[in-house]
C-alpha atoms as a PDB file:
ATOM      1  CA  MET A   1     -14.756  -0.971  15.443  1.00  0.00           C
ATOM      2  CA  PRO A   2     -16.368   2.307  14.292  1.00  0.00           C
ATOM      3  CA  THR A   3     -14.229   4.520  12.101  1.00  0.00           C
ATOM      4  CA  VAL A   4     -13.990   8.208  11.414  1.00  0.00           C
ATOM      5  CA  LEU A   5     -15.766   7.591   8.111  1.00  0.00           C
ATOM      6  CA  ASN A   6     -18.970   6.908  10.037  1.00  0.00           C
ATOM      7  CA  ARG A   7     -18.969  10.231  11.876  1.00  0.00           C
ATOM      8  CA  VAL A   8     -20.724  13.384  10.737  1.00  0.00           C
ATOM      9  CA  PRO A   9     -17.983  15.956  10.034  1.00  0.00           C
ATOM     10  CA  ARG A  10     -18.109  19.523  11.247  1.00  0.00           C
ATOM     11  CA  ALA A  11     -18.474  22.227   8.620  1.00  0.00           C
ATOM     12  CA  PRO A  12     -14.911  23.204   7.604  1.00  0.00           C
ATOM     13  CA  ALA A  13     -13.680  26.781   7.429  1.00  0.00           C
ATOM     14  CA  PRO A  14     -13.500  28.277   3.898  1.00  0.00           C
ATOM     15  CA  ALA A  15      -9.695  28.242   3.829  1.00  0.00           C
ATOM     16  CA  ALA A  16      -9.658  24.579   4.863  1.00  0.00           C
ATOM     17  CA  THR A  17     -12.233  23.813   2.169  1.00  0.00           C
ATOM     18  CA  ALA A  18     -10.043  25.414  -0.504  1.00  0.00           C
ATOM     19  CA  ARG A  19      -6.951  23.529   0.663  1.00  0.00           C
ATOM     20  CA  ASP A  20      -8.860  20.256   0.746  1.00  0.00           C
ATOM     21  CA  ALA A  21     -10.269  20.846  -2.729  1.00  0.00           C
ATOM     22  CA  GLU A  22      -6.759  21.415  -4.051  1.00  0.00           C
ATOM     23  CA  LEU A  23      -5.541  18.265  -2.283  1.00  0.00           C
ATOM     24  CA  CYS A  24      -8.371  16.220  -3.824  1.00  0.00           C
ATOM     25  CA  VAL A  25      -7.468  17.404  -7.330  1.00  0.00           C
ATOM     26  CA  ARG A  26      -3.738  16.829  -6.862  1.00  0.00           C
ATOM     27  CA  ALA A  27      -4.170  13.366  -5.341  1.00  0.00           C
ATOM     28  CA  ILE A  28      -6.781  12.107  -7.799  1.00  0.00           C
ATOM     29  CA  PHE A  29      -4.891  13.277 -10.896  1.00  0.00           C
ATOM     30  CA  SER A  30      -1.792  11.309  -9.794  1.00  0.00           C
ATOM     31  CA  ALA A  31      -3.432   8.136  -8.409  1.00  0.00           C
ATOM     32  CA  LYS A  32      -3.162   4.849 -10.264  1.00  0.00           C
ATOM     33  CA  PRO A  33      -5.069   3.333 -11.968  1.00  0.00           C
ATOM     34  CA  ILE A  34      -7.384   6.305 -12.518  1.00  0.00           C
ATOM     35  CA  ASP A  35      -4.667   8.767 -13.517  1.00  0.00           C
ATOM     36  CA  ILE A  36      -5.213   7.743 -17.167  1.00  0.00           C
ATOM     37  CA  TRP A  37      -8.910   8.690 -17.059  1.00  0.00           C
ATOM     38  CA  PRO A  38     -10.035  11.837 -18.934  1.00  0.00           C
ATOM     39  CA  ALA A  39      -9.255  15.075 -17.112  1.00  0.00           C
ATOM     40  CA  GLU A  40     -12.914  16.122 -16.949  1.00  0.00           C
ATOM     41  CA  ALA A  41     -13.806  12.814 -15.278  1.00  0.00           C
ATOM     42  CA  LEU A  42     -11.052  13.289 -12.697  1.00  0.00           C
ATOM     43  CA  ARG A  43     -12.223  16.829 -11.980  1.00  0.00           C
ATOM     44  CA  ARG A  44     -15.746  15.549 -11.321  1.00  0.00           C
ATOM     45  CA  LEU A  45     -14.375  12.885  -8.966  1.00  0.00           C
ATOM     46  CA  ALA A  46     -12.369  15.536  -7.112  1.00  0.00           C
ATOM     47  CA  ALA A  47     -15.423  17.782  -6.784  1.00  0.00           C
ATOM     48  CA  ALA A  48     -17.422  14.906  -5.282  1.00  0.00           C
ATOM     49  CA  SER A  49     -14.664  13.893  -2.842  1.00  0.00           C
ATOM     50  CA  ARG A  50     -13.738  15.024   0.651  1.00  0.00           C
ATOM     51  CA  VAL A  51     -10.623  14.816   2.812  1.00  0.00           C
ATOM     52  CA  ARG A  52     -10.342  12.903   6.088  1.00  0.00           C
ATOM     53  CA  ARG A  53      -7.331  13.004   8.399  1.00  0.00           C
ATOM     54  CA  TYR A  54      -6.208  10.354  10.858  1.00  0.00           C
ATOM     55  CA  ARG A  55      -3.706  10.252  13.700  1.00  0.00           C
ATOM     56  CA  ARG A  56      -0.935   7.700  13.874  1.00  0.00           C
ATOM     57  CA  GLY A  57      -2.328   4.354  14.988  1.00  0.00           C
ATOM     58  CA  ALA A  58      -5.911   5.157  13.983  1.00  0.00           C
ATOM     59  CA  ARG A  59      -8.067   2.525  12.313  1.00  0.00           C
ATOM     60  CA  LEU A  60      -9.319   3.846   8.979  1.00  0.00           C
ATOM     61  CA  VAL A  61     -11.610   0.899   8.391  1.00  0.00           C
ATOM     62  CA  SER A  62     -12.106  -2.550   9.937  1.00  0.00           C
ATOM     63  CA  GLY A  63     -12.232  -5.847   8.092  1.00  0.00           C
ATOM     64  CA  GLY A  64     -15.774  -6.709   7.055  1.00  0.00           C
ATOM     65  CA  GLU A  65     -16.990  -3.130   7.374  1.00  0.00           C
ATOM     66  CA  PRO A  66     -19.095  -1.891   4.429  1.00  0.00           C
ATOM     67  CA  LEU A  67     -17.737   0.993   2.404  1.00  0.00           C
ATOM     68  CA  GLN A  68     -19.480   3.576   0.267  1.00  0.00           C
ATOM     69  CA  ALA A  69     -16.297   5.251  -0.943  1.00  0.00           C
ATOM     70  CA  ALA A  70     -12.782   4.474  -2.133  1.00  0.00           C
ATOM     71  CA  LEU A  71      -9.936   5.612   0.106  1.00  0.00           C
ATOM     72  CA  LEU A  72      -7.066   7.326  -1.690  1.00  0.00           C
ATOM     73  CA  ILE A  73      -3.973   7.884   0.453  1.00  0.00           C
ATOM     74  CA  ALA A  74      -2.952  11.511  -0.119  1.00  0.00           C
ATOM     75  CA  SER A  75      -0.156  11.585   2.477  1.00  0.00           C
ATOM     76  CA  GLY A  76       1.270   9.276   5.117  1.00  0.00           C
ATOM     77  CA  ASP A  77       1.646   5.498   5.297  1.00  0.00           C
ATOM     78  CA  VAL A  78      -0.923   2.767   6.027  1.00  0.00           C
ATOM     79  CA  GLU A  79      -0.916  -0.977   6.545  1.00  0.00           C
ATOM     80  CA  ALA A  80      -3.454  -3.549   5.386  1.00  0.00           C
ATOM     81  CA  SER A  81      -3.626  -6.377   7.897  1.00  0.00           C
ATOM     82  CA  PHE A  82      -5.679  -9.170   9.412  1.00  0.00           C
ATOM     83  CA  SER A  83      -6.122  -9.519  13.168  1.00  0.00           C
ATOM     84  CA  SER A  84      -7.456 -12.266  15.421  1.00  0.00           C
ATOM     85  CA  ALA A  85      -9.544 -12.122  18.599  1.00  0.00           C
ATOM     86  CA  ASP A  86      -6.471 -12.976  20.699  1.00  0.00           C
ATOM     87  CA  GLY A  87      -4.543  -9.965  19.365  1.00  0.00           C
ATOM     88  CA  ARG A  88      -2.388 -11.612  16.716  1.00  0.00           C
ATOM     89  CA  GLN A  89      -1.869  -9.634  13.525  1.00  0.00           C
ATOM     90  CA  PHE A  90      -0.629 -10.403  10.030  1.00  0.00           C
ATOM     91  CA  THR A  91       0.391  -7.452   7.873  1.00  0.00           C
ATOM     92  CA  TYR A  92       0.355  -8.355   4.209  1.00  0.00           C
ATOM     93  CA  MET A  93       0.564  -4.976   2.503  1.00  0.00           C
ATOM     94  CA  LEU A  94       1.871  -1.456   3.070  1.00  0.00           C
ATOM     95  CA  GLY A  95       0.612   1.583   1.241  1.00  0.00           C
ATOM     96  CA  ALA A  96       1.767   5.154   0.821  1.00  0.00           C
ATOM     97  CA  ARG A  97       0.768   8.249  -1.116  1.00  0.00           C
ATOM     98  CA  GLY A  98      -1.175   7.495  -4.292  1.00  0.00           C
ATOM     99  CA  MET A  99      -2.602   4.077  -3.361  1.00  0.00           C
ATOM    100  CA  ILE A 100      -6.360   3.497  -3.525  1.00  0.00           C
ATOM    101  CA  PHE A 101      -8.117   1.085  -1.155  1.00  0.00           C
ATOM    102  CA  GLY A 102     -11.720  -0.080  -1.434  1.00  0.00           C
ATOM    103  CA  LEU A 103     -11.843  -1.117  -5.079  1.00  0.00           C
ATOM    104  CA  LEU A 104     -12.921  -4.670  -4.219  1.00  0.00           C
ATOM    105  CA  PRO A 105     -16.038  -3.464  -2.309  1.00  0.00           C
ATOM    106  CA  LEU A 106     -16.724  -1.177  -5.277  1.00  0.00           C
ATOM    107  CA  LEU A 107     -16.796  -4.246  -7.524  1.00  0.00           C
ATOM    108  CA  ASP A 108     -18.637  -6.810  -5.406  1.00  0.00           C
ATOM    109  CA  GLY A 109     -20.581  -4.713  -2.855  1.00  0.00           C
ATOM    110  CA  GLN A 110     -19.179  -6.659   0.106  1.00  0.00           C
ATOM    111  CA  GLY A 111     -17.185  -5.453   3.098  1.00  0.00           C
ATOM    112  CA  VAL A 112     -13.514  -4.560   3.202  1.00  0.00           C
ATOM    113  CA  PRO A 113     -11.462  -7.780   3.342  1.00  0.00           C
ATOM    114  CA  HIS A 114      -8.856  -6.390   5.780  1.00  0.00           C
ATOM    115  CA  ASP A 115      -8.176  -3.784   8.444  1.00  0.00           C
ATOM    116  CA  LEU A 116      -6.560  -0.541   7.337  1.00  0.00           C
ATOM    117  CA  ASN A 117      -4.430   1.279   9.930  1.00  0.00           C
ATOM    118  CA  ALA A 118      -2.495   4.556   9.881  1.00  0.00           C
ATOM    119  CA  LEU A 119       1.229   4.110  10.485  1.00  0.00           C
ATOM    120  CA  ASP A 120       1.665   7.858  10.926  1.00  0.00           C
ATOM    121  CA  ALA A 121      -0.453  10.969  10.328  1.00  0.00           C
ATOM    122  CA  VAL A 122      -2.503  10.190   7.227  1.00  0.00           C
ATOM    123  CA  SER A 123      -4.639  12.292   4.891  1.00  0.00           C
ATOM    124  CA  VAL A 124      -7.210  10.392   2.839  1.00  0.00           C
ATOM    125  CA  VAL A 125      -9.260  11.535  -0.145  1.00  0.00           C
ATOM    126  CA  VAL A 126     -12.646   9.822   0.162  1.00  0.00           C
ATOM    127  CA  ILE A 127     -14.102   9.235  -3.335  1.00  0.00           C
ATOM    128  CA  PRO A 128     -17.785   8.169  -3.281  1.00  0.00           C
ATOM    129  CA  PHE A 129     -18.548   4.951  -5.120  1.00  0.00           C
ATOM    130  CA  SER A 130     -21.532   6.712  -6.682  1.00  0.00           C
ATOM    131  CA  ALA A 131     -19.207   9.222  -8.367  1.00  0.00           C
ATOM    132  CA  ILE A 132     -16.890   6.470  -9.631  1.00  0.00           C
ATOM    133  CA  ARG A 133     -19.812   4.397 -10.940  1.00  0.00           C
ATOM    134  CA  ALA A 134     -21.202   7.438 -12.762  1.00  0.00           C
ATOM    135  CA  GLU A 135     -17.942   7.853 -14.670  1.00  0.00           C
ATOM    136  CA  LEU A 136     -17.774   4.129 -15.431  1.00  0.00           C
ATOM    137  CA  ALA A 137     -21.358   4.168 -16.715  1.00  0.00           C
ATOM    138  CA  ALA A 138     -20.601   7.150 -18.961  1.00  0.00           C
ATOM    139  CA  ARG A 139     -17.396   5.546 -20.297  1.00  0.00           C
ATOM    140  CA  PRO A 140     -17.496   1.733 -19.951  1.00  0.00           C
ATOM    141  CA  THR A 141     -13.983   1.493 -21.423  1.00  0.00           C
ATOM    142  CA  LEU A 142     -12.661   2.866 -18.123  1.00  0.00           C
ATOM    143  CA  TRP A 143     -13.476  -0.479 -16.486  1.00  0.00           C
ATOM    144  CA  GLU A 144     -10.370  -1.926 -18.129  1.00  0.00           C
ATOM    145  CA  SER A 145      -8.059   0.216 -15.983  1.00  0.00           C
ATOM    146  CA  LEU A 146      -9.719  -1.067 -12.790  1.00  0.00           C
ATOM    147  CA  ALA A 147      -9.657  -4.668 -14.040  1.00  0.00           C
ATOM    148  CA  LEU A 148      -5.927  -4.495 -14.804  1.00  0.00           C
ATOM    149  CA  ASP A 149      -5.215  -2.960 -11.400  1.00  0.00           C
ATOM    150  CA  MET A 150      -7.177  -5.687  -9.605  1.00  0.00           C
ATOM    151  CA  ALA A 151      -5.367  -8.332 -11.668  1.00  0.00           C
ATOM    152  CA  LEU A 152      -2.011  -6.935 -10.523  1.00  0.00           C
ATOM    153  CA  ARG A 153      -3.173  -6.966  -6.903  1.00  0.00           C
ATOM    154  CA  PHE A 154      -4.415 -10.547  -7.102  1.00  0.00           C
ATOM    155  CA  ARG A 155      -1.173 -11.744  -8.703  1.00  0.00           C
ATOM    156  CA  SER A 156       0.742 -10.035  -5.908  1.00  0.00           C
ATOM    157  CA  LEU A 157      -1.473 -11.764  -3.340  1.00  0.00           C
ATOM    158  CA  PHE A 158      -0.898 -15.143  -5.003  1.00  0.00           C
ATOM    159  CA  ASP A 159       2.862 -14.522  -4.851  1.00  0.00           C
ATOM    160  CA  ILE A 160       2.592 -13.706  -1.137  1.00  0.00           C
ATOM    161  CA  VAL A 161       0.646 -16.902  -0.398  1.00  0.00           C
ATOM    162  CA  GLN A 162       3.037 -19.033  -2.439  1.00  0.00           C
ATOM    163  CA  GLY A 163       6.038 -17.470  -0.738  1.00  0.00           C
ATOM    164  CA  HIS A 164       4.744 -18.042   2.782  1.00  0.00           C
ATOM    165  CA  VAL A 165       3.978 -21.690   1.981  1.00  0.00           C
ATOM    166  CA  LEU A 166       6.942 -22.698  -0.166  1.00  0.00           C
ATOM    167  CA  ASP A 167       9.841 -20.232   0.005  1.00  0.00           C
ATOM    168  CA  PRO A 168      12.580 -19.946   2.656  1.00  0.00           C
ATOM    169  CA  ALA A 169      12.745 -16.732   4.677  1.00  0.00           C
ATOM    170  CA  PRO A 170      15.596 -15.089   2.682  1.00  0.00           C
ATOM    171  CA  VAL A 171      13.599 -15.464  -0.523  1.00  0.00           C
ATOM    172  CA  ARG A 172      10.438 -14.121   1.131  1.00  0.00           C
ATOM    173  CA  LEU A 173      12.324 -11.072   2.392  1.00  0.00           C
ATOM    174  CA  ALA A 174      13.770 -10.410  -1.048  1.00  0.00           C
ATOM    175  CA  ASN A 175      10.332 -10.568  -2.632  1.00  0.00           C
ATOM    176  CA  VAL A 176       8.796  -8.295   0.021  1.00  0.00           C
ATOM    177  CA  LEU A 177      11.482  -5.688  -0.664  1.00  0.00           C
ATOM    178  CA  VAL A 178      11.135  -6.057  -4.442  1.00  0.00           C
ATOM    179  CA  ARG A 179       7.359  -5.511  -4.244  1.00  0.00           C
ATOM    180  CA  LEU A 180       7.813  -2.451  -2.036  1.00  0.00           C
ATOM    181  CA  ALA A 181      10.513  -1.055  -4.324  1.00  0.00           C
ATOM    182  CA  GLN A 182       8.229  -1.485  -7.330  1.00  0.00           C
ATOM    183  CA  THR A 183       5.077  -0.080  -5.728  1.00  0.00           C
ATOM    184  CA  GLU A 184       6.439   2.391  -3.154  1.00  0.00           C
ATOM    185  CA  GLY A 185       9.907   3.085  -4.521  1.00  0.00           C
ATOM    186  CA  GLN A 186      11.553   6.379  -5.383  1.00  0.00           C
ATOM    187  CA  ALA A 187      14.771   6.693  -7.378  1.00  0.00           C
ATOM    188  CA  VAL A 188      17.694   8.105  -5.357  1.00  0.00           C
ATOM    189  CA  PRO A 189      21.450   8.212  -6.070  1.00  0.00           C
ATOM    190  CA  GLU A 190      21.992   5.032  -4.029  1.00  0.00           C
ATOM    191  CA  GLY A 191      19.275   3.039  -5.787  1.00  0.00           C
ATOM    192  CA  VAL A 192      15.548   2.799  -5.014  1.00  0.00           C
ATOM    193  CA  ALA A 193      14.325   4.186  -1.679  1.00  0.00           C
ATOM    194  CA  ILE A 194      11.209   2.554  -0.208  1.00  0.00           C
ATOM    195  CA  ARG A 195       8.972   5.421   0.913  1.00  0.00           C
ATOM    196  CA  VAL A 196       7.190   3.444   3.644  1.00  0.00           C
ATOM    197  CA  ARG A 197       8.965   3.299   7.000  1.00  0.00           C
ATOM    198  CA  LEU A 198       9.511  -0.306   8.090  1.00  0.00           C
ATOM    199  CA  SER A 199       9.763  -1.133  11.774  1.00  0.00           C
ATOM    200  CA  GLN A 200      11.544  -4.361  12.657  1.00  0.00           C
ATOM    201  CA  ALA A 201       8.302  -5.917  13.911  1.00  0.00           C
ATOM    202  CA  ARG A 202       6.358  -4.916  10.790  1.00  0.00           C
ATOM    203  CA  LEU A 203       9.043  -6.252   8.482  1.00  0.00           C
ATOM    204  CA  GLY A 204       8.932  -9.512  10.429  1.00  0.00           C
ATOM    205  CA  GLU A 205       5.150  -9.696   9.918  1.00  0.00           C
ATOM    206  CA  LEU A 206       5.501  -9.134   6.184  1.00  0.00           C
ATOM    207  CA  VAL A 207       8.122 -11.872   5.900  1.00  0.00           C
ATOM    208  CA  GLY A 208       6.553 -14.240   8.429  1.00  0.00           C
ATOM    209  CA  VAL A 209       9.484 -14.364  10.872  1.00  0.00           C
ATOM    210  CA  THR A 210      10.414 -12.779  14.187  1.00  0.00           C
ATOM    211  CA  ARG A 211      11.824  -9.261  14.131  1.00  0.00           C
ATOM    212  CA  GLN A 212      15.200 -10.636  15.236  1.00  0.00           C
ATOM    213  CA  THR A 213      15.329 -13.013  12.272  1.00  0.00           C
ATOM    214  CA  ALA A 214      14.149 -10.264   9.933  1.00  0.00           C
ATOM    215  CA  MET A 215      16.990  -7.978  10.993  1.00  0.00           C
ATOM    216  CA  GLN A 216      19.553 -10.776  10.709  1.00  0.00           C
ATOM    217  CA  LEU A 217      18.423 -11.295   7.112  1.00  0.00           C
ATOM    218  CA  VAL A 218      18.525  -7.537   6.471  1.00  0.00           C
ATOM    219  CA  HIS A 219      22.125  -7.366   7.697  1.00  0.00           C
ATOM    220  CA  GLU A 220      23.045 -10.220   5.358  1.00  0.00           C
ATOM    221  CA  LEU A 221      21.518  -8.335   2.427  1.00  0.00           C
ATOM    222  CA  GLU A 222      23.515  -5.272   3.460  1.00  0.00           C
ATOM    223  CA  ALA A 223      26.713  -7.332   3.580  1.00  0.00           C
ATOM    224  CA  ARG A 224      26.068  -8.427  -0.005  1.00  0.00           C
ATOM    225  CA  GLY A 225      25.562  -4.864  -1.179  1.00  0.00           C
ATOM    226  CA  LEU A 226      21.897  -5.388  -2.055  1.00  0.00           C
ATOM    227  CA  LEU A 227      20.346  -3.112   0.573  1.00  0.00           C
ATOM    228  CA  VAL A 228      20.956  -0.147   2.861  1.00  0.00           C
ATOM    229  CA  TRP A 229      18.933   0.000   6.094  1.00  0.00           C
ATOM    230  CA  ARG A 230      18.762   3.203   8.135  1.00  0.00           C
ATOM    231  CA  TYR A 231      16.378   3.355  11.098  1.00  0.00           C
ATOM    232  CA  GLY A 232      13.479   1.718   9.289  1.00  0.00           C
ATOM    233  CA  ARG A 233      14.207   3.350   5.942  1.00  0.00           C
ATOM    234  CA  ALA A 234      15.318   0.891   3.272  1.00  0.00           C
ATOM    235  CA  VAL A 235      17.177   1.661   0.043  1.00  0.00           C
ATOM    236  CA  VAL A 236      17.493  -1.137  -2.496  1.00  0.00           C
ATOM    237  CA  ARG A 237      20.963  -0.754  -4.007  1.00  0.00           C
ATOM    238  CA  ASP A 238      20.768  -3.659  -6.457  1.00  0.00           C
ATOM    239  CA  LEU A 239      17.198  -4.348  -7.605  1.00  0.00           C
ATOM    240  CA  PRO A 240      18.158  -6.979 -10.245  1.00  0.00           C
ATOM    241  CA  GLY A 241      20.233  -8.808  -7.625  1.00  0.00           C
ATOM    242  CA  LEU A 242      17.335  -8.740  -5.179  1.00  0.00           C
ATOM    243  CA  GLN A 243      14.968  -9.986  -7.894  1.00  0.00           C
ATOM    244  CA  ALA A 244      17.362 -12.839  -8.656  1.00  0.00           C
ATOM    245  CA  LEU A 245      17.369 -13.819  -4.986  1.00  0.00           C
ATOM    246  CA  GLY A 246      13.576 -13.643  -4.919  1.00  0.00           C
ATOM    247  CA  SER A 247      13.339 -16.001  -7.866  1.00  0.00           C
ATOM    248  CA  ASN A 248      15.736 -18.474  -6.198  1.00  0.00           C
ATOM    249  CA  GLN A 249      18.402 -17.774  -8.830  1.00  0.00           C
ATOM    250  CA  ALA A 250      20.894 -16.401  -6.321  1.00  0.00           C
ATOM    251  CA  VAL A 251      23.004 -18.139  -3.720  1.00  0.00           C
ATOM    252  CA  THR A 252      21.526 -18.641  -0.261  1.00  0.00           C
ATOM    253  CA  LEU A 253      22.115 -15.871   2.223  1.00  0.00           C
ATOM    254  CA  GLY A 254      24.682 -16.730   4.832  1.00  0.00           C
ATOM    255  CA  ALA A 255      26.710 -18.844   2.390  1.00  0.00           C
ATOM    256  CA  PRO A 256      29.882 -17.575   0.711  1.00  0.00           C
ATOM    257  CA  PRO A 257      29.293 -16.168  -2.767  1.00  0.00           C
ATOM    258  CA  ALA A 258      29.976 -18.394  -5.745  1.00  0.00           C
ATOM    259  CA  ARG A 259      33.275 -17.778  -7.466  1.00  0.00           C
END
């Protein structure tokens, strides 16, 4: 499927150019793992970047498609998923503001391993690989930040695979929520709010169950005081308790608590 990245953009108005330049700087200076890079390097990346905007439901990039730039989410939510010819879909990751996609193609030169779809209106800072490689060539020590980030992503992927093969659904749900709280969480008076909106169907895909089962498990977490669920917005009230459940150290959901 062709994406907006393959189209030749119209020349933007000067005011739009200034706003986009400011957005590039703001997004790049706060994006992990590159936020620890020298300020002058980040300014050069921002100057080489451009902004692309997508409507809700748009495909940013298709699995297998070659990339020449990293995609930094400046606003909005996205999902990384796999889809089959018969229309089935498996969502394995959600991303919000500050997440960078496309680092694997930067490293190995191959296509994107998954689809990337906009869950709502999304603004993306497109950072050319050539600009990133120039900074890495000038300062080889910067490679370590990318290597550590990829290591974290691979460990997360291993946990997902292990969970879907070995863990019961309540444990999988707990681990999905823990990962989202750690990567997309924001501290609020009630606990940790997950910034990404979770539909029932999407939560079911992440856990590997039907949406009905997913919501039944959510209600059981709410009954235990671990979670608050409001119209697709989740707040983790007890992160240590949820982590204990995810590591199989807690009692099974649906059973009375141990006394």
